Amino acid sequence: MNFDALGTSWAPRLLSVLRIISGLLFLQHGTAKYLKIPVVPMFANVNPMSPPGIAGILELVGGVLLILGLFTRSVAFILSGLMAVAYFMAHAPRGFFPILNAGELAILYCFVFLYIAAAGPGPWSIDAARRK
Protein backbone atom coordinates (compact mmCIF):
# COMPACT_ATOMS: atom_id res chain seq x y z
CA MET A 1 0.00 0.00 0.00
CA ASN A 2 1.33 3.42 -0.97
CA PHE A 3 0.73 5.58 2.09
CA ASP A 4 2.13 8.70 0.41
CA ALA A 5 -0.55 8.57 -2.28
CA LEU A 6 -3.23 7.81 0.31
CA GLY A 7 -2.18 10.81 2.38
CA THR A 8 -2.14 13.10 -0.64
CA SER A 9 -5.64 12.13 -1.72
CA TRP A 10 -7.25 12.10 1.73
CA ALA A 11 -5.42 14.95 3.47
CA PRO A 12 -7.77 17.75 2.31
CA ARG A 13 -10.87 15.73 3.22
CA LEU A 14 -9.45 14.82 6.62
CA LEU A 15 -8.77 18.52 7.22
CA SER A 16 -12.50 19.07 6.72
CA VAL A 17 -13.25 16.19 9.11
CA LEU A 18 -10.88 17.68 11.72
CA ARG A 19 -12.61 21.06 11.38
CA ILE A 20 -16.12 19.60 11.63
CA ILE A 21 -15.39 17.34 14.61
CA SER A 22 -13.45 20.08 16.43
CA GLY A 23 -16.35 22.45 15.82
CA LEU A 24 -18.89 19.93 17.11
CA LEU A 25 -16.87 19.26 20.27
CA PHE A 26 -16.28 22.98 20.83
CA LEU A 27 -19.96 23.78 20.26
CA GLN A 28 -20.87 21.56 23.22
CA HIS A 29 -19.20 24.03 25.57
CA GLY A 30 -21.36 26.86 24.25
CA THR A 31 -24.59 24.85 24.27
CA ALA A 32 -23.89 23.68 27.82
CA LYS A 33 -23.42 27.27 28.99
CA TYR A 34 -26.31 28.92 27.14
CA LEU A 35 -28.80 26.23 26.15
CA LYS A 36 -28.15 23.90 29.12
CA ILE A 37 -27.65 21.02 26.67
CA PRO A 38 -26.09 18.93 28.05
CA VAL A 39 -26.53 19.94 31.66
CA VAL A 40 -23.11 20.65 33.18
CA PRO A 41 -23.34 21.70 36.85
CA MET A 42 -20.31 24.02 36.69
CA PHE A 43 -21.97 25.95 33.83
CA ALA A 44 -25.31 26.31 35.64
CA ASN A 45 -25.17 30.05 36.31
CA VAL A 46 -22.81 31.57 33.76
CA ASN A 47 -22.94 35.36 33.67
CA PRO A 48 -22.88 36.45 29.99
CA MET A 49 -20.49 39.30 30.80
CA SER A 50 -18.00 37.14 32.73
CA PRO A 51 -14.98 35.57 30.98
CA PRO A 52 -16.71 32.13 30.86
CA GLY A 53 -19.85 33.82 29.53
CA ILE A 54 -17.99 35.62 26.77
CA ALA A 55 -16.14 32.40 25.97
CA GLY A 56 -19.51 30.62 25.79
CA ILE A 57 -20.76 33.02 23.14
CA LEU A 58 -17.60 32.48 21.10
CA GLU A 59 -17.90 28.71 21.60
CA LEU A 60 -21.51 28.74 20.44
CA VAL A 61 -21.11 30.98 17.39
CA GLY A 62 -17.58 29.85 16.54
CA GLY A 63 -18.50 26.18 16.84
CA VAL A 64 -21.37 26.59 14.36
CA LEU A 65 -19.22 28.57 11.93
CA LEU A 66 -16.45 25.96 12.10
CA ILE A 67 -18.90 23.12 11.49
CA LEU A 68 -20.25 24.92 8.43
CA GLY A 69 -16.81 26.00 7.27
CA LEU A 70 -17.84 29.64 7.03
CA PHE A 71 -15.24 32.38 7.64
CA THR A 72 -13.10 29.47 8.77
CA ARG A 73 -9.64 31.02 8.90
CA SER A 74 -10.75 34.11 10.85
CA VAL A 75 -12.96 32.15 13.23
CA ALA A 76 -10.29 29.52 13.87
CA PHE A 77 -7.70 32.23 14.57
CA ILE A 78 -9.99 33.97 17.08
CA LEU A 79 -10.84 30.66 18.78
CA SER A 80 -7.16 29.74 18.96
CA GLY A 81 -6.54 33.00 20.81
CA LEU A 82 -9.53 32.34 23.05
CA MET A 83 -8.08 29.00 24.06
CA ALA A 84 -4.65 30.50 24.71
CA VAL A 85 -6.24 33.11 26.98
CA ALA A 86 -8.35 30.42 28.67
CA TYR A 87 -5.26 28.36 29.36
CA PHE A 88 -3.27 31.21 30.87
CA MET A 89 -6.19 32.63 32.88
CA ALA A 90 -7.84 29.45 34.15
CA HIS A 91 -5.31 26.63 33.99
CA ALA A 92 -1.73 27.90 34.24
CA PRO A 93 -2.29 29.50 37.68
CA ARG A 94 -3.11 26.01 39.02
CA GLY A 95 0.36 24.70 38.23
CA PHE A 96 2.99 24.26 35.55
CA PHE A 97 2.05 20.87 34.11
CA PRO A 98 -1.06 20.75 31.90
CA ILE A 99 -1.88 17.23 33.10
CA LEU A 100 -2.11 18.60 36.65
CA ASN A 101 -3.84 21.92 35.88
CA ALA A 102 -6.46 20.34 33.55
CA GLY A 103 -5.26 22.47 30.65
CA GLU A 104 -4.59 19.79 28.03
CA LEU A 105 -7.87 20.38 26.20
CA ALA A 106 -7.36 24.15 26.02
CA ILE A 107 -3.85 23.66 24.63
CA LEU A 108 -5.02 21.07 22.12
CA TYR A 109 -7.91 23.26 20.92
CA CYS A 110 -5.53 26.23 20.67
CA PHE A 111 -3.16 24.41 18.33
CA VAL A 112 -5.86 22.60 16.33
CA PHE A 113 -7.58 25.93 15.69
CA LEU A 114 -4.25 27.57 14.85
CA TYR A 115 -3.59 24.79 12.32
CA ILE A 116 -7.06 25.22 10.79
CA ALA A 117 -6.50 28.98 10.58
CA ALA A 118 -3.31 28.34 8.60
CA ALA A 119 -4.48 25.35 6.52
CA GLY A 120 -7.99 26.55 5.73
CA PRO A 121 -11.35 24.79 5.88
CA GLY A 122 -10.75 21.90 3.52
CA PRO A 123 -12.97 21.01 0.56
CA TRP A 124 -16.13 20.21 2.51
CA SER A 125 -17.02 23.74 3.58
CA ILE A 126 -19.09 26.75 2.61
CA ASP A 127 -15.85 28.69 2.16
CA ALA A 128 -14.67 26.18 -0.48
CA ALA A 129 -18.05 26.27 -2.22
CA ARG A 130 -17.98 30.08 -2.31
CA ARG A 131 -14.52 30.07 -3.92
CA LYS A 132 -15.76 27.97 -6.86
C-alpha atoms as a PDB file:
ATOM      1  CA  MET A   1       0.000   0.000   0.000  1.00  0.00           C
ATOM      2  CA  ASN A   2       1.328   3.420  -0.965  1.00  0.00           C
ATOM      3  CA  PHE A   3       0.734   5.585   2.093  1.00  0.00           C
ATOM      4  CA  ASP A   4       2.126   8.702   0.406  1.00  0.00           C
ATOM      5  CA  ALA A   5      -0.547   8.568  -2.285  1.00  0.00           C
ATOM      6  CA  LEU A   6      -3.228   7.807   0.308  1.00  0.00           C
ATOM      7  CA  GLY A   7      -2.176  10.813   2.380  1.00  0.00           C
ATOM      8  CA  THR A   8      -2.143  13.095  -0.638  1.00  0.00           C
ATOM      9  CA  SER A   9      -5.639  12.128  -1.716  1.00  0.00           C
ATOM     10  CA  TRP A  10      -7.251  12.095   1.727  1.00  0.00           C
ATOM     11  CA  ALA A  11      -5.424  14.953   3.472  1.00  0.00           C
ATOM     12  CA  PRO A  12      -7.772  17.747   2.306  1.00  0.00           C
ATOM     13  CA  ARG A  13     -10.867  15.735   3.218  1.00  0.00           C
ATOM     14  CA  LEU A  14      -9.445  14.817   6.619  1.00  0.00           C
ATOM     15  CA  LEU A  15      -8.766  18.515   7.223  1.00  0.00           C
ATOM     16  CA  SER A  16     -12.504  19.072   6.721  1.00  0.00           C
ATOM     17  CA  VAL A  17     -13.252  16.192   9.109  1.00  0.00           C
ATOM     18  CA  LEU A  18     -10.881  17.675  11.717  1.00  0.00           C
ATOM     19  CA  ARG A  19     -12.612  21.058  11.375  1.00  0.00           C
ATOM     20  CA  ILE A  20     -16.119  19.602  11.632  1.00  0.00           C
ATOM     21  CA  ILE A  21     -15.389  17.337  14.607  1.00  0.00           C
ATOM     22  CA  SER A  22     -13.454  20.082  16.428  1.00  0.00           C
ATOM     23  CA  GLY A  23     -16.352  22.450  15.817  1.00  0.00           C
ATOM     24  CA  LEU A  24     -18.893  19.926  17.112  1.00  0.00           C
ATOM     25  CA  LEU A  25     -16.872  19.259  20.267  1.00  0.00           C
ATOM     26  CA  PHE A  26     -16.281  22.976  20.833  1.00  0.00           C
ATOM     27  CA  LEU A  27     -19.955  23.778  20.258  1.00  0.00           C
ATOM     28  CA  GLN A  28     -20.872  21.561  23.220  1.00  0.00           C
ATOM     29  CA  HIS A  29     -19.196  24.033  25.571  1.00  0.00           C
ATOM     30  CA  GLY A  30     -21.357  26.862  24.254  1.00  0.00           C
ATOM     31  CA  THR A  31     -24.590  24.846  24.270  1.00  0.00           C
ATOM     32  CA  ALA A  32     -23.888  23.679  27.823  1.00  0.00           C
ATOM     33  CA  LYS A  33     -23.422  27.274  28.993  1.00  0.00           C
ATOM     34  CA  TYR A  34     -26.312  28.920  27.143  1.00  0.00           C
ATOM     35  CA  LEU A  35     -28.799  26.232  26.148  1.00  0.00           C
ATOM     36  CA  LYS A  36     -28.153  23.896  29.116  1.00  0.00           C
ATOM     37  CA  ILE A  37     -27.648  21.017  26.667  1.00  0.00           C
ATOM     38  CA  PRO A  38     -26.087  18.928  28.053  1.00  0.00           C
ATOM     39  CA  VAL A  39     -26.533  19.940  31.665  1.00  0.00           C
ATOM     40  CA  VAL A  40     -23.111  20.652  33.178  1.00  0.00           C
ATOM     41  CA  PRO A  41     -23.337  21.704  36.853  1.00  0.00           C
ATOM     42  CA  MET A  42     -20.307  24.016  36.691  1.00  0.00           C
ATOM     43  CA  PHE A  43     -21.970  25.948  33.831  1.00  0.00           C
ATOM     44  CA  ALA A  44     -25.313  26.308  35.638  1.00  0.00           C
ATOM     45  CA  ASN A  45     -25.167  30.053  36.311  1.00  0.00           C
ATOM     46  CA  VAL A  46     -22.805  31.566  33.761  1.00  0.00           C
ATOM     47  CA  ASN A  47     -22.943  35.363  33.675  1.00  0.00           C
ATOM     48  CA  PRO A  48     -22.875  36.448  29.992  1.00  0.00           C
ATOM     49  CA  MET A  49     -20.486  39.301  30.800  1.00  0.00           C
ATOM     50  CA  SER A  50     -17.996  37.141  32.726  1.00  0.00           C
ATOM     51  CA  PRO A  51     -14.981  35.574  30.980  1.00  0.00           C
ATOM     52  CA  PRO A  52     -16.707  32.132  30.865  1.00  0.00           C
ATOM     53  CA  GLY A  53     -19.854  33.818  29.527  1.00  0.00           C
ATOM     54  CA  ILE A  54     -17.992  35.623  26.766  1.00  0.00           C
ATOM     55  CA  ALA A  55     -16.140  32.402  25.970  1.00  0.00           C
ATOM     56  CA  GLY A  56     -19.505  30.617  25.788  1.00  0.00           C
ATOM     57  CA  ILE A  57     -20.763  33.023  23.136  1.00  0.00           C
ATOM     58  CA  LEU A  58     -17.598  32.484  21.099  1.00  0.00           C
ATOM     59  CA  GLU A  59     -17.897  28.711  21.601  1.00  0.00           C
ATOM     60  CA  LEU A  60     -21.512  28.739  20.440  1.00  0.00           C
ATOM     61  CA  VAL A  61     -21.108  30.980  17.395  1.00  0.00           C
ATOM     62  CA  GLY A  62     -17.576  29.851  16.540  1.00  0.00           C
ATOM     63  CA  GLY A  63     -18.501  26.178  16.838  1.00  0.00           C
ATOM     64  CA  VAL A  64     -21.374  26.590  14.364  1.00  0.00           C
ATOM     65  CA  LEU A  65     -19.219  28.573  11.926  1.00  0.00           C
ATOM     66  CA  LEU A  66     -16.452  25.961  12.099  1.00  0.00           C
ATOM     67  CA  ILE A  67     -18.900  23.116  11.494  1.00  0.00           C
ATOM     68  CA  LEU A  68     -20.247  24.915   8.435  1.00  0.00           C
ATOM     69  CA  GLY A  69     -16.812  26.002   7.270  1.00  0.00           C
ATOM     70  CA  LEU A  70     -17.844  29.639   7.026  1.00  0.00           C
ATOM     71  CA  PHE A  71     -15.240  32.378   7.636  1.00  0.00           C
ATOM     72  CA  THR A  72     -13.098  29.471   8.769  1.00  0.00           C
ATOM     73  CA  ARG A  73      -9.643  31.024   8.902  1.00  0.00           C
ATOM     74  CA  SER A  74     -10.750  34.107  10.848  1.00  0.00           C
ATOM     75  CA  VAL A  75     -12.959  32.151  13.235  1.00  0.00           C
ATOM     76  CA  ALA A  76     -10.285  29.524  13.875  1.00  0.00           C
ATOM     77  CA  PHE A  77      -7.697  32.227  14.575  1.00  0.00           C
ATOM     78  CA  ILE A  78      -9.992  33.969  17.078  1.00  0.00           C
ATOM     79  CA  LEU A  79     -10.841  30.664  18.780  1.00  0.00           C
ATOM     80  CA  SER A  80      -7.156  29.742  18.958  1.00  0.00           C
ATOM     81  CA  GLY A  81      -6.540  33.004  20.811  1.00  0.00           C
ATOM     82  CA  LEU A  82      -9.526  32.343  23.052  1.00  0.00           C
ATOM     83  CA  MET A  83      -8.075  28.999  24.056  1.00  0.00           C
ATOM     84  CA  ALA A  84      -4.646  30.501  24.708  1.00  0.00           C
ATOM     85  CA  VAL A  85      -6.238  33.111  26.979  1.00  0.00           C
ATOM     86  CA  ALA A  86      -8.354  30.420  28.671  1.00  0.00           C
ATOM     87  CA  TYR A  87      -5.255  28.361  29.362  1.00  0.00           C
ATOM     88  CA  PHE A  88      -3.268  31.207  30.872  1.00  0.00           C
ATOM     89  CA  MET A  89      -6.190  32.625  32.880  1.00  0.00           C
ATOM     90  CA  ALA A  90      -7.842  29.448  34.147  1.00  0.00           C
ATOM     91  CA  HIS A  91      -5.308  26.634  33.993  1.00  0.00           C
ATOM     92  CA  ALA A  92      -1.726  27.903  34.237  1.00  0.00           C
ATOM     93  CA  PRO A  93      -2.291  29.499  37.681  1.00  0.00           C
ATOM     94  CA  ARG A  94      -3.114  26.011  39.022  1.00  0.00           C
ATOM     95  CA  GLY A  95       0.356  24.700  38.228  1.00  0.00           C
ATOM     96  CA  PHE A  96       2.989  24.262  35.547  1.00  0.00           C
ATOM     97  CA  PHE A  97       2.053  20.866  34.110  1.00  0.00           C
ATOM     98  CA  PRO A  98      -1.058  20.751  31.901  1.00  0.00           C
ATOM     99  CA  ILE A  99      -1.878  17.235  33.103  1.00  0.00           C
ATOM    100  CA  LEU A 100      -2.113  18.603  36.650  1.00  0.00           C
ATOM    101  CA  ASN A 101      -3.841  21.924  35.876  1.00  0.00           C
ATOM    102  CA  ALA A 102      -6.463  20.342  33.547  1.00  0.00           C
ATOM    103  CA  GLY A 103      -5.264  22.469  30.651  1.00  0.00           C
ATOM    104  CA  GLU A 104      -4.594  19.789  28.033  1.00  0.00           C
ATOM    105  CA  LEU A 105      -7.871  20.378  26.199  1.00  0.00           C
ATOM    106  CA  ALA A 106      -7.359  24.154  26.024  1.00  0.00           C
ATOM    107  CA  ILE A 107      -3.850  23.660  24.627  1.00  0.00           C
ATOM    108  CA  LEU A 108      -5.019  21.068  22.124  1.00  0.00           C
ATOM    109  CA  TYR A 109      -7.911  23.263  20.925  1.00  0.00           C
ATOM    110  CA  CYS A 110      -5.531  26.226  20.674  1.00  0.00           C
ATOM    111  CA  PHE A 111      -3.157  24.408  18.333  1.00  0.00           C
ATOM    112  CA  VAL A 112      -5.858  22.597  16.330  1.00  0.00           C
ATOM    113  CA  PHE A 113      -7.578  25.927  15.689  1.00  0.00           C
ATOM    114  CA  LEU A 114      -4.250  27.567  14.845  1.00  0.00           C
ATOM    115  CA  TYR A 115      -3.595  24.792  12.315  1.00  0.00           C
ATOM    116  CA  ILE A 116      -7.062  25.217  10.792  1.00  0.00           C
ATOM    117  CA  ALA A 117      -6.502  28.981  10.578  1.00  0.00           C
ATOM    118  CA  ALA A 118      -3.307  28.343   8.602  1.00  0.00           C
ATOM    119  CA  ALA A 119      -4.481  25.350   6.523  1.00  0.00           C
ATOM    120  CA  GLY A 120      -7.992  26.554   5.729  1.00  0.00           C
ATOM    121  CA  PRO A 121     -11.346  24.789   5.883  1.00  0.00           C
ATOM    122  CA  GLY A 122     -10.754  21.897   3.516  1.00  0.00           C
ATOM    123  CA  PRO A 123     -12.972  21.008   0.556  1.00  0.00           C
ATOM    124  CA  TRP A 124     -16.133  20.208   2.508  1.00  0.00           C
ATOM    125  CA  SER A 125     -17.016  23.740   3.577  1.00  0.00           C
ATOM    126  CA  ILE A 126     -19.086  26.748   2.612  1.00  0.00           C
ATOM    127  CA  ASP A 127     -15.851  28.694   2.159  1.00  0.00           C
ATOM    128  CA  ALA A 128     -14.667  26.183  -0.483  1.00  0.00           C
ATOM    129  CA  ALA A 129     -18.054  26.272  -2.219  1.00  0.00           C
ATOM    130  CA  ARG A 130     -17.983  30.083  -2.306  1.00  0.00           C
ATOM    131  CA  ARG A 131     -14.519  30.069  -3.918  1.00  0.00           C
ATOM    132  CA  LYS A 132     -15.760  27.966  -6.860  1.00  0.00           C
END
